[in-house]
Structure formats: C-alpha cells, structure tokens
Amino acid sequence: MKIDTEYIKLDSFLKAVNAVSSGGEAKIIISEGLVEVNGEVEQRRGRKLRPGDRVTLEGASYQVE
C-alpha cells in the first residue's frame, strides 16, 4: 500500500488494507501478538510504519510503499 505521509500507524494501516474491519479488531489482534512487522511480533498499535516496512497477519503480507 502506498502512503502519502511520512508514516502510518500500524492499526490504521491494517484498516486501510482491509486486513481488519475496525480499529477495535486491530487493537485485539495486535495485542494478542498476531501481527508481525519486518519479521518480528509487534504489539504496539501505534507503531509507525514507513515505506519499506512489511506487515504480516495470518499468512498475508502487506508492503508499505
């Protein structure tokens, strides 16, 4: 997904790529350790993603551009 700003927060990114249906759902799956950023489990929903970062959730992978 291409962003037009310096960064996007992890929970917002998951909603933008339709990996989750709501911010509440994003909060839950992130806190349960189901999301990886660049191959490492990430539990901060406010994690700033920048171009080049890769997010993985349940086998699906998304690239920040």
PDB file of N, CA and C in Angstrom:
ATOM      1  N   MET A   1       0.835  -1.184   0.000  1.00  0.00           N
ATOM      2  CA  MET A   1       0.000   0.000   0.000  1.00  0.00           C
ATOM      3  C   MET A   1       0.877   1.243   0.000  1.00  0.00           C
ATOM      4  N   LYS A   2       0.559   2.174  -0.843  1.00  0.00           N
ATOM      5  CA  LYS A   2       1.330   3.416  -0.936  1.00  0.00           C
ATOM      6  C   LYS A   2       0.760   4.440   0.045  1.00  0.00           C
ATOM      7  N   ILE A   3       1.665   5.109   0.782  1.00  0.00           N
ATOM      8  CA  ILE A   3       1.231   6.174   1.692  1.00  0.00           C
ATOM      9  C   ILE A   3       1.767   7.512   1.186  1.00  0.00           C
ATOM     10  N   ASP A   4       1.056   8.566   1.502  1.00  0.00           N
ATOM     11  CA  ASP A   4       1.443   9.905   1.056  1.00  0.00           C
ATOM     12  C   ASP A   4       2.039  10.736   2.185  1.00  0.00           C
ATOM     13  N   THR A   5       2.183  10.134   3.364  1.00  0.00           N
ATOM     14  CA  THR A   5       2.738  10.828   4.517  1.00  0.00           C
ATOM     15  C   THR A   5       4.052  10.164   4.906  1.00  0.00           C
ATOM     16  N   GLU A   6       4.717  10.716   5.913  1.00  0.00           N
ATOM     17  CA  GLU A   6       5.997  10.159   6.352  1.00  0.00           C
ATOM     18  C   GLU A   6       5.822   8.749   6.926  1.00  0.00           C
ATOM     19  N   TYR A   7       4.714   8.534   7.634  1.00  0.00           N
ATOM     20  CA  TYR A   7       4.459   7.232   8.248  1.00  0.00           C
ATOM     21  C   TYR A   7       2.958   7.025   8.397  1.00  0.00           C
ATOM     22  N   ILE A   8       2.577   5.783   8.730  1.00  0.00           N
ATOM     23  CA  ILE A   8       1.191   5.445   9.063  1.00  0.00           C
ATOM     24  C   ILE A   8       1.258   4.527  10.273  1.00  0.00           C
ATOM     25  N   LYS A   9       0.315   4.681  11.190  1.00  0.00           N
ATOM     26  CA  LYS A   9       0.308   3.834  12.384  1.00  0.00           C
ATOM     27  C   LYS A   9      -0.192   2.437  12.014  1.00  0.00           C
ATOM     28  N   LEU A  10       0.309   1.456  12.729  1.00  0.00           N
ATOM     29  CA  LEU A  10       0.009   0.056  12.433  1.00  0.00           C
ATOM     30  C   LEU A  10      -1.485  -0.224  12.407  1.00  0.00           C
ATOM     31  N   ASP A  11      -2.224   0.242  13.410  1.00  0.00           N
ATOM     32  CA  ASP A  11      -3.665  -0.051  13.424  1.00  0.00           C
ATOM     33  C   ASP A  11      -4.380   0.583  12.229  1.00  0.00           C
ATOM     34  N   SER A  12      -3.977   1.794  11.859  1.00  0.00           N
ATOM     35  CA  SER A  12      -4.574   2.461  10.700  1.00  0.00           C
ATOM     36  C   SER A  12      -4.222   1.738   9.402  1.00  0.00           C
ATOM     37  N   PHE A  13      -2.994   1.232   9.333  1.00  0.00           N
ATOM     38  CA  PHE A  13      -2.556   0.503   8.144  1.00  0.00           C
ATOM     39  C   PHE A  13      -3.383  -0.768   7.962  1.00  0.00           C
ATOM     40  N   LEU A  14      -3.605  -1.503   9.033  1.00  0.00           N
ATOM     41  CA  LEU A  14      -4.388  -2.735   8.940  1.00  0.00           C
ATOM     42  C   LEU A  14      -5.805  -2.465   8.457  1.00  0.00           C
ATOM     43  N   LYS A  15      -6.395  -1.352   8.902  1.00  0.00           N
ATOM     44  CA  LYS A  15      -7.731  -0.981   8.418  1.00  0.00           C
ATOM     45  C   LYS A  15      -7.667  -0.583   6.944  1.00  0.00           C
ATOM     46  N   ALA A  16      -6.640   0.160   6.556  1.00  0.00           N
ATOM     47  CA  ALA A  16      -6.525   0.660   5.179  1.00  0.00           C
ATOM     48  C   ALA A  16      -6.384  -0.465   4.157  1.00  0.00           C
ATOM     49  N   VAL A  17      -5.710  -1.550   4.530  1.00  0.00           N
ATOM     50  CA  VAL A  17      -5.534  -2.668   3.592  1.00  0.00           C
ATOM     51  C   VAL A  17      -6.638  -3.723   3.756  1.00  0.00           C
ATOM     52  N   ASN A  18      -7.654  -3.386   4.544  1.00  0.00           N
ATOM     53  CA  ASN A  18      -8.800  -4.267   4.794  1.00  0.00           C
ATOM     54  C   ASN A  18      -8.419  -5.594   5.436  1.00  0.00           C
ATOM     55  N   ALA A  19      -7.352  -5.594   6.231  1.00  0.00           N
ATOM     56  CA  ALA A  19      -6.974  -6.802   6.964  1.00  0.00           C
ATOM     57  C   ALA A  19      -7.866  -6.975   8.191  1.00  0.00           C
ATOM     58  N   VAL A  20      -8.432  -5.875   8.676  1.00  0.00           N
ATOM     59  CA  VAL A  20      -9.380  -5.890   9.793  1.00  0.00           C
ATOM     60  C   VAL A  20     -10.548  -4.980   9.422  1.00  0.00           C
ATOM     61  N   SER A  21     -11.657  -5.152  10.125  1.00  0.00           N
ATOM     62  CA  SER A  21     -12.837  -4.353   9.798  1.00  0.00           C
ATOM     63  C   SER A  21     -12.985  -3.111  10.666  1.00  0.00           C
ATOM     64  N   SER A  22     -12.247  -3.074  11.797  1.00  0.00           N
ATOM     65  CA  SER A  22     -12.394  -1.917  12.686  1.00  0.00           C
ATOM     66  C   SER A  22     -11.124  -1.694  13.496  1.00  0.00           C
ATOM     67  N   GLY A  23     -11.037  -0.526  14.088  1.00  0.00           N
ATOM     68  CA  GLY A  23      -9.904  -0.222  14.953  1.00  0.00           C
ATOM     69  C   GLY A  23      -9.883  -1.112  16.181  1.00  0.00           C
ATOM     70  N   GLY A  24     -11.063  -1.459  16.679  1.00  0.00           N
ATOM     71  CA  GLY A  24     -11.149  -2.349  17.834  1.00  0.00           C
ATOM     72  C   GLY A  24     -10.608  -3.730  17.520  1.00  0.00           C
ATOM     73  N   GLU A  25     -10.923  -4.223  16.344  1.00  0.00           N
ATOM     74  CA  GLU A  25     -10.402  -5.528  15.924  1.00  0.00           C
ATOM     75  C   GLU A  25      -8.885  -5.460  15.774  1.00  0.00           C
ATOM     76  N   ALA A  26      -8.392  -4.359  15.209  1.00  0.00           N
ATOM     77  CA  ALA A  26      -6.943  -4.181  15.057  1.00  0.00           C
ATOM     78  C   ALA A  26      -6.267  -4.208  16.423  1.00  0.00           C
ATOM     79  N   LYS A  27      -6.839  -3.507  17.387  1.00  0.00           N
ATOM     80  CA  LYS A  27      -6.273  -3.446  18.742  1.00  0.00           C
ATOM     81  C   LYS A  27      -6.154  -4.852  19.342  1.00  0.00           C
ATOM     82  N   ILE A  28      -7.183  -5.651  19.164  1.00  0.00           N
ATOM     83  CA  ILE A  28      -7.197  -7.003  19.733  1.00  0.00           C
ATOM     84  C   ILE A  28      -6.136  -7.891  19.084  1.00  0.00           C
ATOM     85  N   ILE A  29      -6.094  -7.938  17.758  1.00  0.00           N
ATOM     86  CA  ILE A  29      -5.145  -8.851  17.117  1.00  0.00           C
ATOM     87  C   ILE A  29      -3.697  -8.409  17.329  1.00  0.00           C
ATOM     88  N   ILE A  30      -3.482  -7.100  17.434  1.00  0.00           N
ATOM     89  CA  ILE A  30      -2.122  -6.613  17.705  1.00  0.00           C
ATOM     90  C   ILE A  30      -1.720  -6.995  19.127  1.00  0.00           C
ATOM     91  N   SER A  31      -2.610  -6.786  20.100  1.00  0.00           N
ATOM     92  CA  SER A  31      -2.288  -7.094  21.499  1.00  0.00           C
ATOM     93  C   SER A  31      -2.101  -8.591  21.726  1.00  0.00           C
ATOM     94  N   GLU A  32      -2.724  -9.419  20.887  1.00  0.00           N
ATOM     95  CA  GLU A  32      -2.573 -10.875  21.013  1.00  0.00           C
ATOM     96  C   GLU A  32      -1.300 -11.386  20.341  1.00  0.00           C
ATOM     97  N   GLY A  33      -0.540 -10.490  19.728  1.00  0.00           N
ATOM     98  CA  GLY A  33       0.730 -10.890  19.113  1.00  0.00           C
ATOM     99  C   GLY A  33       0.574 -11.582  17.769  1.00  0.00           C
ATOM    100  N   LEU A  34      -0.507 -11.300  17.059  1.00  0.00           N
ATOM    101  CA  LEU A  34      -0.769 -11.964  15.773  1.00  0.00           C
ATOM    102  C   LEU A  34      -0.195 -11.210  14.578  1.00  0.00           C
ATOM    103  N   VAL A  35       0.374 -10.024  14.821  1.00  0.00           N
ATOM    104  CA  VAL A  35       0.883  -9.191  13.735  1.00  0.00           C
ATOM    105  C   VAL A  35       2.405  -9.110  13.806  1.00  0.00           C
ATOM    106  N   GLU A  36       3.042  -9.257  12.652  1.00  0.00           N
ATOM    107  CA  GLU A  36       4.496  -9.111  12.581  1.00  0.00           C
ATOM    108  C   GLU A  36       4.834  -7.914  11.700  1.00  0.00           C
ATOM    109  N   VAL A  37       5.848  -7.174  12.105  1.00  0.00           N
ATOM    110  CA  VAL A  37       6.380  -6.082  11.294  1.00  0.00           C
ATOM    111  C   VAL A  37       7.838  -6.418  11.028  1.00  0.00           C
ATOM    112  N   ASN A  38       8.188  -6.534   9.771  1.00  0.00           N
ATOM    113  CA  ASN A  38       9.554  -6.881   9.363  1.00  0.00           C
ATOM    114  C   ASN A  38      10.054  -8.159  10.047  1.00  0.00           C
ATOM    115  N   GLY A  39       9.147  -9.147  10.158  1.00  0.00           N
ATOM    116  CA  GLY A  39       9.525 -10.456  10.687  1.00  0.00           C
ATOM    117  C   GLY A  39       9.522 -10.585  12.191  1.00  0.00           C
ATOM    118  N   GLU A  40       9.157  -9.532  12.921  1.00  0.00           N
ATOM    119  CA  GLU A  40       9.123  -9.594  14.385  1.00  0.00           C
ATOM    120  C   GLU A  40       7.726  -9.241  14.888  1.00  0.00           C
ATOM    121  N   VAL A  41       7.277  -9.950  15.930  1.00  0.00           N
ATOM    122  CA  VAL A  41       5.962  -9.695  16.507  1.00  0.00           C
ATOM    123  C   VAL A  41       5.922  -8.258  17.032  1.00  0.00           C
ATOM    124  N   GLU A  42       4.859  -7.571  16.689  1.00  0.00           N
ATOM    125  CA  GLU A  42       4.689  -6.178  17.125  1.00  0.00           C
ATOM    126  C   GLU A  42       3.392  -6.052  17.901  1.00  0.00           C
ATOM    127  N   GLN A  43       3.468  -5.537  19.134  1.00  0.00           N
ATOM    128  CA  GLN A  43       2.276  -5.413  19.966  1.00  0.00           C
ATOM    129  C   GLN A  43       1.907  -3.958  20.260  1.00  0.00           C
ATOM    130  N   ARG A  44       2.548  -3.024  19.583  1.00  0.00           N
ATOM    131  CA  ARG A  44       2.203  -1.606  19.758  1.00  0.00           C
ATOM    132  C   ARG A  44       1.342  -1.179  18.572  1.00  0.00           C
ATOM    133  N   ARG A  45       0.086  -0.862  18.839  1.00  0.00           N
ATOM    134  CA  ARG A  45      -0.791  -0.495  17.730  1.00  0.00           C
ATOM    135  C   ARG A  45      -0.420   0.845  17.126  1.00  0.00           C
ATOM    136  N   GLY A  46       0.329   1.668  17.866  1.00  0.00           N
ATOM    137  CA  GLY A  46       0.763   2.967  17.368  1.00  0.00           C
ATOM    138  C   GLY A  46       2.107   2.921  16.658  1.00  0.00           C
ATOM    139  N   ARG A  47       2.630   1.720  16.432  1.00  0.00           N
ATOM    140  CA  ARG A  47       3.928   1.576  15.750  1.00  0.00           C
ATOM    141  C   ARG A  47       3.894   2.326  14.424  1.00  0.00           C
ATOM    142  N   LYS A  48       4.890   3.170  14.207  1.00  0.00           N
ATOM    143  CA  LYS A  48       4.945   3.955  12.972  1.00  0.00           C
ATOM    144  C   LYS A  48       5.561   3.116  11.861  1.00  0.00           C
ATOM    145  N   LEU A  49       4.807   2.946  10.792  1.00  0.00           N
ATOM    146  CA  LEU A  49       5.285   2.208   9.626  1.00  0.00           C
ATOM    147  C   LEU A  49       5.725   3.201   8.575  1.00  0.00           C
ATOM    148  N   ARG A  50       6.866   2.918   7.975  1.00  0.00           N
ATOM    149  CA  ARG A  50       7.400   3.784   6.931  1.00  0.00           C
ATOM    150  C   ARG A  50       7.598   2.963   5.661  1.00  0.00           C
ATOM    151  N   PRO A  51       7.736   3.644   4.516  1.00  0.00           N
ATOM    152  CA  PRO A  51       7.959   2.894   3.276  1.00  0.00           C
ATOM    153  C   PRO A  51       9.099   1.888   3.422  1.00  0.00           C
ATOM    154  N   GLY A  52       8.842   0.665   2.939  1.00  0.00           N
ATOM    155  CA  GLY A  52       9.821  -0.408   3.049  1.00  0.00           C
ATOM    156  C   GLY A  52       9.463  -1.423   4.116  1.00  0.00           C
ATOM    157  N   ASP A  53       8.604  -1.031   5.068  1.00  0.00           N
ATOM    158  CA  ASP A  53       8.194  -1.965   6.117  1.00  0.00           C
ATOM    159  C   ASP A  53       7.231  -2.993   5.542  1.00  0.00           C
ATOM    160  N   ARG A  54       7.299  -4.207   6.091  1.00  0.00           N
ATOM    161  CA  ARG A  54       6.409  -5.294   5.670  1.00  0.00           C
ATOM    162  C   ARG A  54       5.629  -5.776   6.889  1.00  0.00           C
ATOM    163  N   VAL A  55       4.302  -5.861   6.725  1.00  0.00           N
ATOM    164  CA  VAL A  55       3.405  -6.298   7.790  1.00  0.00           C
ATOM    165  C   VAL A  55       2.819  -7.645   7.400  1.00  0.00           C
ATOM    166  N   THR A  56       2.841  -8.601   8.340  1.00  0.00           N
ATOM    167  CA  THR A  56       2.299  -9.930   8.084  1.00  0.00           C
ATOM    168  C   THR A  56       1.228 -10.242   9.125  1.00  0.00           C
ATOM    169  N   LEU A  57       0.104 -10.765   8.639  1.00  0.00           N
ATOM    170  CA  LEU A  57      -1.005 -11.148   9.501  1.00  0.00           C
ATOM    171  C   LEU A  57      -1.653 -12.384   8.918  1.00  0.00           C
ATOM    172  N   GLU A  58      -1.680 -13.468   9.703  1.00  0.00           N
ATOM    173  CA  GLU A  58      -2.328 -14.722   9.296  1.00  0.00           C
ATOM    174  C   GLU A  58      -1.906 -15.177   7.902  1.00  0.00           C
ATOM    175  N   GLY A  59      -0.615 -15.103   7.614  1.00  0.00           N
ATOM    176  CA  GLY A  59      -0.096 -15.577   6.338  1.00  0.00           C
ATOM    177  C   GLY A  59      -0.149 -14.576   5.210  1.00  0.00           C
ATOM    178  N   ALA A  60      -0.907 -13.493   5.389  1.00  0.00           N
ATOM    179  CA  ALA A  60      -0.977 -12.449   4.353  1.00  0.00           C
ATOM    180  C   ALA A  60       0.091 -11.400   4.650  1.00  0.00           C
ATOM    181  N   SER A  61       0.738 -10.927   3.598  1.00  0.00           N
ATOM    182  CA  SER A  61       1.822  -9.966   3.751  1.00  0.00           C
ATOM    183  C   SER A  61       1.487  -8.683   3.000  1.00  0.00           C
ATOM    184  N   TYR A  62       1.779  -7.558   3.635  1.00  0.00           N
ATOM    185  CA  TYR A  62       1.490  -6.242   3.062  1.00  0.00           C
ATOM    186  C   TYR A  62       2.745  -5.384   3.130  1.00  0.00           C
ATOM    187  N   GLN A  63       3.051  -4.698   2.038  1.00  0.00           N
ATOM    188  CA  GLN A  63       4.239  -3.845   1.960  1.00  0.00           C
ATOM    189  C   GLN A  63       3.818  -2.378   2.027  1.00  0.00           C
ATOM    190  N   VAL A  64       4.548  -1.604   2.832  1.00  0.00           N
ATOM    191  CA  VAL A  64       4.316  -0.159   2.873  1.00  0.00           C
ATOM    192  C   VAL A  64       5.198   0.475   1.823  1.00  0.00           C
ATOM    193  N   GLU A  65       4.602   1.283   0.954  1.00  0.00           N
ATOM    194  CA  GLU A  65       5.370   1.924  -0.109  1.00  0.00           C
ATOM    195  C   GLU A  65       5.287   3.437   0.022  1.00  0.00           C
TER     196      GLU A  65
END
